[in-house]
N, C-alpha and C. Protein backbone atom coordinates (compact mmCIF):
# COMPACT_ATOMS: atom_id res chain seq x y z
N MET A 1 -5.34 -5.70 21.30
CA MET A 1 -6.38 -6.24 20.60
C MET A 1 -7.26 -6.99 21.62
N ASN A 2 -8.56 -6.56 21.62
CA ASN A 2 -9.58 -7.11 22.68
C ASN A 2 -9.99 -8.51 22.14
N THR A 3 -10.80 -9.20 22.93
CA THR A 3 -11.27 -10.42 22.69
C THR A 3 -12.26 -10.47 21.40
N GLU A 4 -13.05 -9.38 21.30
CA GLU A 4 -13.93 -9.28 20.32
C GLU A 4 -13.21 -9.14 18.87
N GLN A 5 -12.20 -8.24 18.84
CA GLN A 5 -11.29 -8.15 17.65
C GLN A 5 -10.76 -9.39 17.44
N THR A 6 -10.22 -10.32 18.36
CA THR A 6 -9.52 -11.45 18.15
C THR A 6 -10.46 -12.38 17.35
N ASP A 7 -11.62 -12.43 17.99
CA ASP A 7 -12.67 -13.33 17.44
C ASP A 7 -13.08 -12.99 16.08
N GLN A 8 -13.17 -11.74 15.65
CA GLN A 8 -13.59 -11.34 14.39
C GLN A 8 -12.50 -11.74 13.37
N LEU A 9 -11.14 -11.43 13.85
CA LEU A 9 -9.96 -11.78 13.06
C LEU A 9 -9.89 -13.19 12.81
N SER A 10 -10.11 -13.89 13.84
CA SER A 10 -10.04 -15.48 13.66
C SER A 10 -11.05 -16.14 12.59
N GLY A 11 -11.98 -15.43 12.50
CA GLY A 11 -13.03 -15.89 11.47
C GLY A 11 -12.82 -15.40 10.09
N THR A 12 -11.88 -14.69 9.82
CA THR A 12 -11.49 -14.15 8.46
C THR A 12 -10.62 -15.14 7.79
N ARG A 13 -11.32 -15.54 6.59
CA ARG A 13 -10.41 -16.49 5.74
C ARG A 13 -9.61 -15.77 4.77
N LEU A 14 -8.21 -15.75 5.06
CA LEU A 14 -7.33 -14.96 4.26
C LEU A 14 -6.58 -15.95 3.22
N ALA A 15 -6.61 -17.18 3.49
CA ALA A 15 -5.72 -18.12 2.72
C ALA A 15 -6.07 -18.17 1.15
N PRO A 16 -7.37 -18.00 0.69
CA PRO A 16 -7.55 -17.98 -0.66
C PRO A 16 -6.91 -16.57 -1.28
N TYR A 17 -7.01 -15.51 -0.53
CA TYR A 17 -6.53 -14.23 -1.13
C TYR A 17 -4.95 -14.27 -1.04
N ILE A 18 -4.40 -14.91 0.00
CA ILE A 18 -2.92 -15.05 -0.06
C ILE A 18 -2.51 -15.91 -1.38
N GLN A 19 -3.28 -16.99 -1.75
CA GLN A 19 -3.05 -17.69 -2.80
C GLN A 19 -3.16 -16.82 -4.06
N VAL A 20 -4.03 -15.94 -4.39
CA VAL A 20 -4.11 -15.17 -5.43
C VAL A 20 -2.81 -14.21 -5.34
N ALA A 21 -2.46 -13.79 -4.23
CA ALA A 21 -1.25 -12.91 -4.22
C ALA A 21 -0.02 -13.58 -4.63
N THR A 22 -0.05 -14.83 -4.56
CA THR A 22 1.33 -15.50 -4.99
C THR A 22 1.61 -15.38 -6.51
N CYS A 23 0.69 -14.86 -7.15
CA CYS A 23 1.08 -14.48 -8.74
C CYS A 23 1.99 -13.41 -8.86
N LEU A 24 2.23 -12.72 -7.56
CA LEU A 24 3.14 -11.61 -7.62
C LEU A 24 4.50 -12.06 -7.10
N ILE A 25 4.75 -13.35 -6.88
CA ILE A 25 5.99 -13.83 -6.34
C ILE A 25 6.93 -13.60 -7.50
N GLY A 26 8.15 -13.05 -7.15
CA GLY A 26 9.27 -12.84 -8.03
C GLY A 26 8.94 -11.52 -8.83
N LYS A 27 7.88 -10.89 -8.81
CA LYS A 27 7.76 -9.46 -9.44
C LYS A 27 8.47 -8.44 -8.51
N SER A 28 9.52 -7.94 -9.05
CA SER A 28 10.20 -6.82 -8.30
C SER A 28 9.50 -5.44 -8.35
N ARG A 29 9.94 -4.73 -7.43
CA ARG A 29 9.34 -3.36 -7.19
C ARG A 29 10.36 -2.30 -7.47
N GLU A 30 10.06 -1.30 -8.07
CA GLU A 30 11.16 -0.16 -8.28
C GLU A 30 11.43 0.46 -6.90
N GLY A 31 10.43 0.29 -5.81
CA GLY A 31 10.66 0.83 -4.61
C GLY A 31 11.37 -0.25 -3.59
N GLY A 32 11.87 -1.27 -4.23
CA GLY A 32 12.59 -2.29 -3.42
C GLY A 32 11.72 -3.41 -3.00
N GLY A 33 12.40 -4.65 -2.95
CA GLY A 33 11.73 -5.83 -2.53
C GLY A 33 10.92 -6.41 -3.54
N ASN A 34 10.09 -7.37 -3.24
CA ASN A 34 9.18 -7.96 -4.20
C ASN A 34 7.66 -7.79 -3.80
N MET A 35 6.89 -7.90 -4.86
CA MET A 35 5.53 -7.51 -4.80
C MET A 35 4.78 -8.45 -3.86
N PHE A 36 4.92 -9.72 -3.76
CA PHE A 36 4.21 -10.53 -2.99
C PHE A 36 4.35 -10.16 -1.43
N ARG A 37 5.64 -10.05 -1.11
CA ARG A 37 5.88 -9.63 0.40
C ARG A 37 5.33 -8.20 0.68
N HIS A 38 5.25 -7.40 -0.29
CA HIS A 38 4.74 -6.09 -0.13
C HIS A 38 3.21 -6.17 0.34
N GLN A 39 2.48 -7.17 -0.27
CA GLN A 39 1.04 -7.43 -0.08
C GLN A 39 1.01 -7.77 1.44
N LEU A 40 1.68 -8.72 1.78
CA LEU A 40 1.68 -9.23 3.23
C LEU A 40 2.07 -8.08 4.17
N ASP A 41 3.08 -7.19 3.81
CA ASP A 41 3.56 -6.21 4.68
C ASP A 41 2.34 -5.10 4.97
N THR A 42 1.69 -4.87 3.81
CA THR A 42 0.49 -3.87 3.86
C THR A 42 -0.51 -4.38 4.79
N MET A 43 -0.89 -5.74 4.73
CA MET A 43 -1.75 -6.35 5.60
C MET A 43 -1.26 -6.20 7.12
N SER A 44 -0.02 -6.43 7.27
CA SER A 44 0.56 -6.46 8.68
C SER A 44 0.48 -5.01 9.13
N ILE A 45 0.62 -3.98 8.37
CA ILE A 45 0.48 -2.59 8.84
C ILE A 45 -0.88 -2.37 9.32
N LEU A 46 -1.87 -2.83 8.63
CA LEU A 46 -3.24 -2.64 8.82
C LEU A 46 -3.54 -3.23 10.32
N ILE A 47 -3.14 -4.55 10.37
CA ILE A 47 -3.36 -5.28 11.66
C ILE A 47 -2.59 -4.44 12.82
N ASP A 48 -1.40 -4.07 12.58
CA ASP A 48 -0.63 -3.36 13.63
C ASP A 48 -1.46 -2.03 14.03
N TYR A 49 -2.12 -1.38 13.22
CA TYR A 49 -2.93 -0.17 13.49
C TYR A 49 -4.42 -0.72 13.97
N LYS A 50 -4.51 -1.97 14.12
CA LYS A 50 -5.85 -2.61 14.71
C LYS A 50 -7.00 -2.52 13.74
N TYR A 51 -6.76 -2.44 12.47
CA TYR A 51 -7.72 -2.56 11.33
C TYR A 51 -7.96 -4.10 11.14
N ILE A 52 -9.08 -4.62 11.54
CA ILE A 52 -9.37 -6.06 11.38
C ILE A 52 -10.57 -6.35 10.42
N ASP A 53 -11.13 -5.16 9.82
CA ASP A 53 -12.09 -5.37 8.87
C ASP A 53 -11.74 -6.49 7.73
N SER A 54 -12.58 -7.46 7.52
CA SER A 54 -12.22 -8.60 6.66
C SER A 54 -12.01 -7.97 5.26
N VAL A 55 -12.84 -7.21 4.68
CA VAL A 55 -12.79 -6.80 3.28
C VAL A 55 -11.47 -6.01 3.32
N LEU A 56 -11.09 -5.31 4.06
CA LEU A 56 -9.92 -4.32 4.09
C LEU A 56 -8.73 -5.32 4.08
N LEU A 57 -8.72 -6.21 5.02
CA LEU A 57 -7.49 -7.06 5.04
C LEU A 57 -7.31 -7.98 3.72
N LYS A 58 -8.46 -8.48 3.33
CA LYS A 58 -8.37 -9.24 2.06
C LYS A 58 -7.80 -8.50 0.87
N ALA A 59 -8.34 -7.14 0.81
CA ALA A 59 -7.97 -6.32 -0.42
C ALA A 59 -6.74 -6.00 -0.18
N SER A 60 -6.09 -5.91 0.93
CA SER A 60 -4.60 -5.47 1.21
C SER A 60 -3.78 -6.64 0.68
N LEU A 61 -4.21 -7.78 0.70
CA LEU A 61 -3.36 -8.93 0.09
C LEU A 61 -3.35 -8.99 -1.31
N ILE A 62 -4.15 -8.41 -1.98
CA ILE A 62 -4.28 -8.41 -3.55
C ILE A 62 -4.32 -7.08 -4.04
N HIS A 63 -4.00 -6.05 -3.35
CA HIS A 63 -4.32 -4.68 -3.81
C HIS A 63 -3.40 -4.37 -5.16
N ASP A 64 -2.42 -5.04 -5.36
CA ASP A 64 -1.67 -4.70 -6.56
C ASP A 64 -1.77 -5.67 -7.81
N VAL A 65 -2.52 -6.65 -7.56
CA VAL A 65 -2.74 -7.77 -8.55
C VAL A 65 -3.21 -7.14 -9.96
N LEU A 66 -4.27 -6.42 -9.85
CA LEU A 66 -4.91 -5.94 -11.09
C LEU A 66 -4.03 -5.05 -11.88
N GLU A 67 -3.31 -4.20 -11.10
CA GLU A 67 -2.33 -3.17 -11.74
C GLU A 67 -1.20 -3.86 -12.25
N ASP A 68 -0.60 -4.73 -11.55
CA ASP A 68 0.63 -5.32 -11.90
C ASP A 68 0.65 -6.64 -12.65
N ILE A 69 -0.58 -7.23 -12.90
CA ILE A 69 -0.76 -8.37 -13.66
C ILE A 69 -1.88 -8.06 -14.51
N PRO A 70 -1.77 -7.45 -15.44
CA PRO A 70 -2.92 -7.01 -16.43
C PRO A 70 -3.70 -8.00 -17.07
N GLU A 71 -3.07 -9.21 -17.17
CA GLU A 71 -3.73 -10.35 -17.77
C GLU A 71 -4.35 -11.19 -16.72
N PHE A 72 -4.40 -10.81 -15.48
CA PHE A 72 -4.94 -11.58 -14.39
C PHE A 72 -6.52 -11.62 -14.60
N ASN A 73 -7.08 -12.74 -14.53
CA ASN A 73 -8.57 -13.00 -14.66
C ASN A 73 -9.23 -12.50 -13.52
N HIS A 74 -9.93 -11.33 -13.52
CA HIS A 74 -10.59 -10.82 -12.28
C HIS A 74 -11.65 -11.56 -11.88
N ASN A 75 -12.27 -12.39 -12.77
CA ASN A 75 -13.39 -13.34 -12.30
C ASN A 75 -12.94 -14.27 -11.31
N LEU A 76 -11.70 -14.58 -11.18
CA LEU A 76 -11.23 -15.42 -10.06
C LEU A 76 -11.36 -14.86 -8.84
N LEU A 77 -11.31 -13.50 -8.70
CA LEU A 77 -11.49 -12.84 -7.47
C LEU A 77 -12.87 -12.91 -7.02
N LEU A 78 -13.78 -12.79 -7.96
CA LEU A 78 -15.24 -12.60 -7.63
C LEU A 78 -15.83 -13.88 -7.33
N SER A 79 -15.12 -15.05 -7.31
CA SER A 79 -15.70 -16.30 -6.80
C SER A 79 -15.18 -16.96 -5.57
N ILE A 80 -14.24 -16.10 -4.88
CA ILE A 80 -13.57 -16.57 -3.72
C ILE A 80 -14.56 -16.90 -2.54
N ASP A 81 -15.28 -15.80 -2.22
CA ASP A 81 -16.17 -15.92 -0.96
C ASP A 81 -17.22 -15.05 -1.02
N ILE A 82 -18.16 -14.92 0.01
CA ILE A 82 -19.21 -13.96 0.02
C ILE A 82 -18.73 -12.46 -0.01
N GLU A 83 -17.52 -12.23 0.22
CA GLU A 83 -17.07 -10.70 0.33
C GLU A 83 -16.31 -10.40 -0.93
N SER A 84 -16.26 -11.31 -1.72
CA SER A 84 -15.31 -11.20 -3.17
C SER A 84 -15.69 -9.78 -3.73
N HIS A 85 -16.90 -9.59 -4.02
CA HIS A 85 -17.37 -8.44 -4.82
C HIS A 85 -16.86 -7.04 -4.02
N ALA A 86 -17.14 -7.12 -2.73
CA ALA A 86 -16.75 -5.84 -1.81
C ALA A 86 -15.13 -5.70 -1.99
N VAL A 87 -14.45 -6.93 -1.91
CA VAL A 87 -12.99 -6.89 -2.03
C VAL A 87 -12.44 -6.36 -3.29
N TYR A 88 -13.09 -6.92 -4.42
CA TYR A 88 -12.67 -6.59 -5.81
C TYR A 88 -12.95 -5.04 -5.83
N ASN A 89 -14.14 -4.57 -5.44
CA ASN A 89 -14.48 -3.10 -5.54
C ASN A 89 -13.36 -2.18 -4.90
N LEU A 90 -13.03 -2.58 -3.71
CA LEU A 90 -12.01 -1.79 -2.97
C LEU A 90 -10.70 -1.93 -3.71
N VAL A 91 -10.21 -2.97 -4.19
CA VAL A 91 -9.11 -3.18 -4.96
C VAL A 91 -9.11 -2.29 -6.17
N LEU A 92 -10.29 -2.21 -6.78
CA LEU A 92 -10.35 -1.21 -8.05
C LEU A 92 -10.20 0.13 -7.64
N GLU A 93 -10.79 0.62 -6.41
CA GLU A 93 -10.67 1.97 -5.90
C GLU A 93 -9.09 2.31 -5.75
N VAL A 94 -8.29 1.36 -5.37
CA VAL A 94 -6.74 1.76 -5.16
C VAL A 94 -5.97 1.25 -6.31
N THR A 95 -6.60 0.98 -7.40
CA THR A 95 -5.87 0.51 -8.64
C THR A 95 -5.81 1.80 -9.58
N ARG A 96 -4.62 2.02 -10.07
CA ARG A 96 -4.39 3.04 -10.98
C ARG A 96 -4.91 2.59 -12.42
N ARG A 97 -5.85 3.48 -12.90
CA ARG A 97 -6.51 3.12 -14.16
C ARG A 97 -5.56 3.28 -15.36
N HIS A 98 -5.84 2.62 -16.41
CA HIS A 98 -4.97 2.71 -17.63
C HIS A 98 -4.96 4.23 -17.96
N GLY A 99 -3.75 4.68 -18.09
CA GLY A 99 -3.48 6.13 -18.67
C GLY A 99 -3.52 7.09 -17.57
N GLU A 100 -4.01 6.65 -16.29
CA GLU A 100 -4.18 7.71 -15.28
C GLU A 100 -2.77 7.94 -14.74
N LYS A 101 -2.50 9.31 -14.62
CA LYS A 101 -1.19 9.71 -14.08
C LYS A 101 -1.25 9.70 -12.65
N LYS A 102 0.00 9.64 -12.02
CA LYS A 102 0.16 9.27 -10.56
C LYS A 102 -0.63 10.37 -9.85
N PRO A 103 -0.46 11.56 -10.00
CA PRO A 103 -1.12 12.74 -9.31
C PRO A 103 -2.77 12.59 -9.41
N ASP A 104 -3.10 12.37 -10.55
CA ASP A 104 -4.65 12.23 -10.80
C ASP A 104 -5.10 10.93 -10.04
N PHE A 105 -4.33 10.04 -9.98
CA PHE A 105 -4.79 8.76 -9.25
C PHE A 105 -4.78 9.01 -7.76
N LEU A 106 -3.76 9.70 -7.21
CA LEU A 106 -3.70 9.93 -5.90
C LEU A 106 -4.88 10.97 -5.48
N THR A 107 -5.14 11.98 -6.24
CA THR A 107 -6.21 12.93 -5.98
C THR A 107 -7.61 12.28 -6.05
N ARG A 108 -7.64 11.30 -6.95
CA ARG A 108 -8.89 10.51 -7.03
C ARG A 108 -9.20 9.97 -5.65
N ILE A 109 -8.39 9.11 -5.12
CA ILE A 109 -8.53 8.56 -3.94
C ILE A 109 -8.71 9.46 -2.78
N ILE A 110 -8.08 10.64 -2.65
CA ILE A 110 -8.27 11.57 -1.64
C ILE A 110 -9.70 12.25 -1.83
N GLU A 111 -10.12 12.54 -2.96
CA GLU A 111 -11.30 13.27 -3.20
C GLU A 111 -12.57 12.37 -3.12
N THR A 112 -12.35 11.11 -3.75
CA THR A 112 -13.56 10.33 -3.92
C THR A 112 -13.58 8.91 -3.38
N GLY A 113 -12.37 8.69 -2.81
CA GLY A 113 -12.19 7.21 -2.28
C GLY A 113 -13.01 7.00 -1.02
N SER A 114 -13.33 5.80 -0.83
CA SER A 114 -13.99 5.26 0.41
C SER A 114 -13.14 5.43 1.64
N GLN A 115 -13.55 5.35 2.71
CA GLN A 115 -12.73 5.41 3.92
C GLN A 115 -11.75 4.26 3.81
N LYS A 116 -12.11 3.02 3.51
CA LYS A 116 -11.46 1.84 3.48
C LYS A 116 -10.37 2.10 2.33
N ALA A 117 -10.68 2.63 1.26
CA ALA A 117 -9.57 2.79 0.25
C ALA A 117 -8.50 3.90 0.67
N LYS A 118 -8.86 4.94 1.54
CA LYS A 118 -7.94 5.70 2.02
C LYS A 118 -6.91 5.11 2.98
N ILE A 119 -7.58 4.38 3.86
CA ILE A 119 -6.78 3.61 4.88
C ILE A 119 -5.93 2.70 4.32
N LEU A 120 -6.30 1.81 3.23
CA LEU A 120 -5.45 0.97 2.61
C LEU A 120 -4.32 1.71 1.77
N LYS A 121 -4.67 2.75 1.20
CA LYS A 121 -3.68 3.53 0.53
C LYS A 121 -2.58 4.08 1.37
N VAL A 122 -2.83 4.46 2.61
CA VAL A 122 -1.90 4.92 3.58
C VAL A 122 -1.13 3.84 4.04
N ALA A 123 -1.71 2.57 4.39
CA ALA A 123 -0.89 1.41 4.80
C ALA A 123 0.06 1.02 3.69
N ASP A 124 -0.31 0.99 2.52
CA ASP A 124 0.33 0.66 1.19
C ASP A 124 1.67 1.60 1.10
N ARG A 125 1.41 3.03 1.35
CA ARG A 125 2.52 3.94 1.23
C ARG A 125 3.50 3.70 2.30
N ILE A 126 2.96 3.37 3.63
CA ILE A 126 3.89 3.07 4.71
C ILE A 126 4.75 1.93 4.38
N SER A 127 4.28 0.84 3.71
CA SER A 127 5.07 -0.24 3.31
C SER A 127 6.08 0.19 2.19
N ASN A 128 5.62 0.99 1.33
CA ASN A 128 6.48 1.45 0.24
C ASN A 128 7.58 2.31 0.76
N MET A 129 7.33 3.12 1.71
CA MET A 129 8.42 3.98 2.26
C MET A 129 9.39 3.29 3.07
N ILE A 130 8.93 2.06 3.66
CA ILE A 130 9.86 1.41 4.48
C ILE A 130 10.98 0.70 3.47
N SER A 131 10.41 0.16 2.31
CA SER A 131 11.18 -0.33 1.35
C SER A 131 12.01 0.67 0.69
N LEU A 132 11.62 1.90 0.64
CA LEU A 132 12.48 3.01 -0.05
C LEU A 132 13.89 3.11 0.49
N GLY A 133 14.10 2.63 1.80
CA GLY A 133 15.38 2.74 2.26
C GLY A 133 16.41 1.83 1.68
N PHE A 134 15.95 1.00 0.85
CA PHE A 134 16.89 0.05 0.24
C PHE A 134 16.99 0.29 -1.29
N VAL A 135 16.56 1.52 -1.79
CA VAL A 135 16.53 1.92 -3.14
C VAL A 135 17.75 2.79 -3.41
N ASN A 136 18.56 2.58 -4.47
CA ASN A 136 19.71 3.34 -4.80
C ASN A 136 19.43 4.54 -5.83
N ASN A 137 18.22 4.43 -6.49
CA ASN A 137 17.95 5.46 -7.53
C ASN A 137 17.46 6.65 -6.66
N LEU A 138 18.36 7.73 -6.49
CA LEU A 138 18.01 8.80 -5.65
C LEU A 138 17.01 9.70 -6.20
N GLU A 139 16.92 9.78 -7.61
CA GLU A 139 15.89 10.63 -8.24
C GLU A 139 14.59 10.01 -7.92
N PHE A 140 14.36 8.70 -7.89
CA PHE A 140 13.15 7.98 -7.59
C PHE A 140 12.79 8.31 -6.18
N VAL A 141 13.85 8.16 -5.37
CA VAL A 141 13.61 8.29 -3.86
C VAL A 141 13.03 9.69 -3.56
N GLU A 142 13.68 10.68 -4.17
CA GLU A 142 13.23 12.18 -4.02
C GLU A 142 11.84 12.24 -4.49
N ARG A 143 11.54 11.82 -5.72
CA ARG A 143 10.22 11.98 -6.18
C ARG A 143 9.16 11.39 -5.43
N TYR A 144 9.51 10.13 -4.80
CA TYR A 144 8.57 9.43 -4.17
C TYR A 144 8.35 10.06 -2.71
N ILE A 145 9.39 10.59 -2.13
CA ILE A 145 9.28 11.52 -1.05
C ILE A 145 8.38 12.66 -1.12
N ASN A 146 8.63 13.37 -2.23
CA ASN A 146 7.92 14.75 -2.56
C ASN A 146 6.37 14.29 -2.69
N GLU A 147 6.09 13.19 -3.37
CA GLU A 147 4.68 12.82 -3.61
C GLU A 147 3.97 12.36 -2.46
N THR A 148 4.73 11.66 -1.45
CA THR A 148 4.26 11.28 -0.08
C THR A 148 3.89 12.51 0.78
N GLU A 149 4.74 13.50 0.72
CA GLU A 149 4.40 14.68 1.46
C GLU A 149 3.25 15.47 0.86
N LYS A 150 3.12 15.50 -0.32
CA LYS A 150 2.12 16.33 -0.95
C LYS A 150 0.64 15.65 -0.88
N TYR A 151 0.67 14.28 -1.05
CA TYR A 151 -0.63 13.48 -1.29
C TYR A 151 -0.88 12.72 0.08
N LEU A 152 0.12 11.94 0.34
CA LEU A 152 -0.22 10.93 1.33
C LEU A 152 -0.21 11.51 2.73
N LEU A 153 0.67 12.25 3.20
CA LEU A 153 0.78 12.87 4.58
C LEU A 153 -0.62 13.41 4.95
N PRO A 154 -1.15 14.36 4.12
CA PRO A 154 -2.55 14.97 4.44
C PRO A 154 -3.59 13.82 4.57
N LEU A 155 -3.61 12.87 3.71
CA LEU A 155 -4.43 11.69 3.63
C LEU A 155 -4.35 10.86 5.00
N ALA A 156 -3.16 10.67 5.41
CA ALA A 156 -2.94 9.81 6.52
C ALA A 156 -3.26 10.67 7.78
N LYS A 157 -3.08 11.90 7.84
CA LYS A 157 -3.60 12.79 8.94
C LYS A 157 -5.14 12.65 9.07
N GLU A 158 -5.85 12.54 8.01
CA GLU A 158 -7.17 12.46 7.86
C GLU A 158 -7.81 11.09 8.45
N VAL A 159 -7.14 9.94 8.08
CA VAL A 159 -7.59 8.66 8.44
C VAL A 159 -7.15 8.11 9.65
N ASN A 160 -5.87 8.50 9.99
CA ASN A 160 -5.26 7.80 11.24
C ASN A 160 -4.10 8.57 11.76
N TYR A 161 -4.20 9.35 12.74
CA TYR A 161 -3.14 10.26 13.08
C TYR A 161 -1.78 9.57 13.54
N ASN A 162 -1.81 8.33 14.11
CA ASN A 162 -0.67 7.60 14.29
C ASN A 162 -0.12 6.99 13.06
N MET A 163 -0.76 6.66 12.03
CA MET A 163 -0.22 6.34 10.80
C MET A 163 0.46 7.52 10.08
N HIS A 164 -0.23 8.66 10.30
CA HIS A 164 0.47 9.98 9.85
C HIS A 164 1.82 10.24 10.46
N ILE A 165 1.95 9.95 11.75
CA ILE A 165 3.24 10.10 12.69
C ILE A 165 4.19 9.20 11.95
N GLU A 166 3.91 8.07 11.76
CA GLU A 166 4.77 6.88 11.28
C GLU A 166 5.27 7.34 9.84
N LEU A 167 4.29 7.66 8.92
CA LEU A 167 4.67 8.20 7.51
C LEU A 167 5.44 9.50 7.62
N ASN A 168 5.28 10.39 8.40
CA ASN A 168 6.05 11.60 8.57
C ASN A 168 7.49 11.21 9.02
N ASP A 169 7.59 10.33 9.95
CA ASP A 169 8.88 9.82 10.39
C ASP A 169 9.60 9.18 9.17
N LEU A 170 8.98 8.45 8.35
CA LEU A 170 9.60 7.73 7.19
C LEU A 170 9.96 8.80 6.28
N VAL A 171 9.14 9.84 5.99
CA VAL A 171 9.66 10.96 5.04
C VAL A 171 10.70 11.60 5.43
N ASN A 172 11.02 11.92 6.77
CA ASN A 172 12.17 12.63 7.30
C ASN A 172 13.39 11.78 7.45
N SER A 173 13.30 10.33 7.59
CA SER A 173 14.46 9.57 7.60
C SER A 173 15.00 9.41 6.05
N ARG A 174 13.98 9.37 5.23
CA ARG A 174 14.45 9.19 3.77
C ARG A 174 15.02 10.47 3.37
N ARG A 175 14.52 11.74 3.71
CA ARG A 175 15.13 12.99 3.30
C ARG A 175 16.59 12.95 4.00
N LYS A 176 16.76 12.39 5.13
CA LYS A 176 18.05 12.32 5.70
C LYS A 176 19.02 11.58 4.90
N TYR A 177 18.51 10.33 4.51
CA TYR A 177 19.24 9.45 3.60
C TYR A 177 19.73 10.20 2.41
N LEU A 178 18.83 10.91 1.72
CA LEU A 178 19.20 11.77 0.52
C LEU A 178 20.23 12.78 1.01
N ALA A 179 20.11 13.51 1.90
CA ALA A 179 21.00 14.52 2.40
C ALA A 179 22.50 13.98 2.71
N ASP A 180 22.47 12.86 3.26
CA ASP A 180 23.54 12.27 3.65
C ASP A 180 24.46 11.66 2.43
N TYR A 181 23.70 11.31 1.40
CA TYR A 181 24.34 10.76 0.07
C TYR A 181 24.84 12.13 -0.63
N ARG A 182 24.02 13.22 -0.69
CA ARG A 182 24.51 14.38 -1.31
C ARG A 182 25.66 15.01 -0.67
N ASN A 183 25.76 15.02 0.71
CA ASN A 183 26.84 15.46 1.53
C ASN A 183 28.17 14.72 1.15
N LEU A 184 28.01 13.49 0.82
CA LEU A 184 29.31 12.72 0.51
C LEU A 184 29.87 13.27 -0.78
N GLY A 185 29.01 13.93 -1.62
CA GLY A 185 29.52 14.39 -2.82
C GLY A 185 29.82 13.37 -4.06
N ASN A 186 29.47 12.21 -3.73
CA ASN A 186 29.65 11.13 -4.68
C ASN A 186 28.58 10.99 -5.67
N ILE A 187 27.35 11.53 -5.20
CA ILE A 187 26.14 11.21 -6.17
C ILE A 187 25.50 12.55 -6.37
N THR A 188 25.01 12.75 -7.65
CA THR A 188 24.38 13.98 -7.98
C THR A 188 23.01 13.48 -8.66
N LEU A 189 22.07 14.34 -8.48
CA LEU A 189 20.79 14.02 -9.16
C LEU A 189 20.72 14.74 -10.41
């Protein structure tokens, strides 16, 4: 990271968004881990890939709040800072709408999502795939891997080739996990 990027990142006030994300503490994930830590992991992935856009980082911290806490008062988000409206709109882009099926949701992001929404969704999926290594529901793991291959790998290739490589490596390692379990003969789907 160069000095200009460090200066830009140092001026980003993330604490209010982290505070909002704390409403996810204790909320478990089907993909493993808890929702609060997933928000922080997603932001860390973005920083690791040198994304320091303040709106993108703030949205990464709260990207699951609206979907996972339906009763959350979104007006609280709109009054945090000068970027609140842009952050809120980005979070809406990556939030699954009521009744929206997962394939339609992912297709919407691929076809009409902003560049930031696409980047955020790829970072989100990298975090999810890392957690997937701790999931014992093999049917869920297989479905999630297939979904990642079909929708997220092409999207990752479009937005950041290095993220694509990491996501592809995660897909391959999770496929190996499934094959190893099947070869043991102890588990059937």
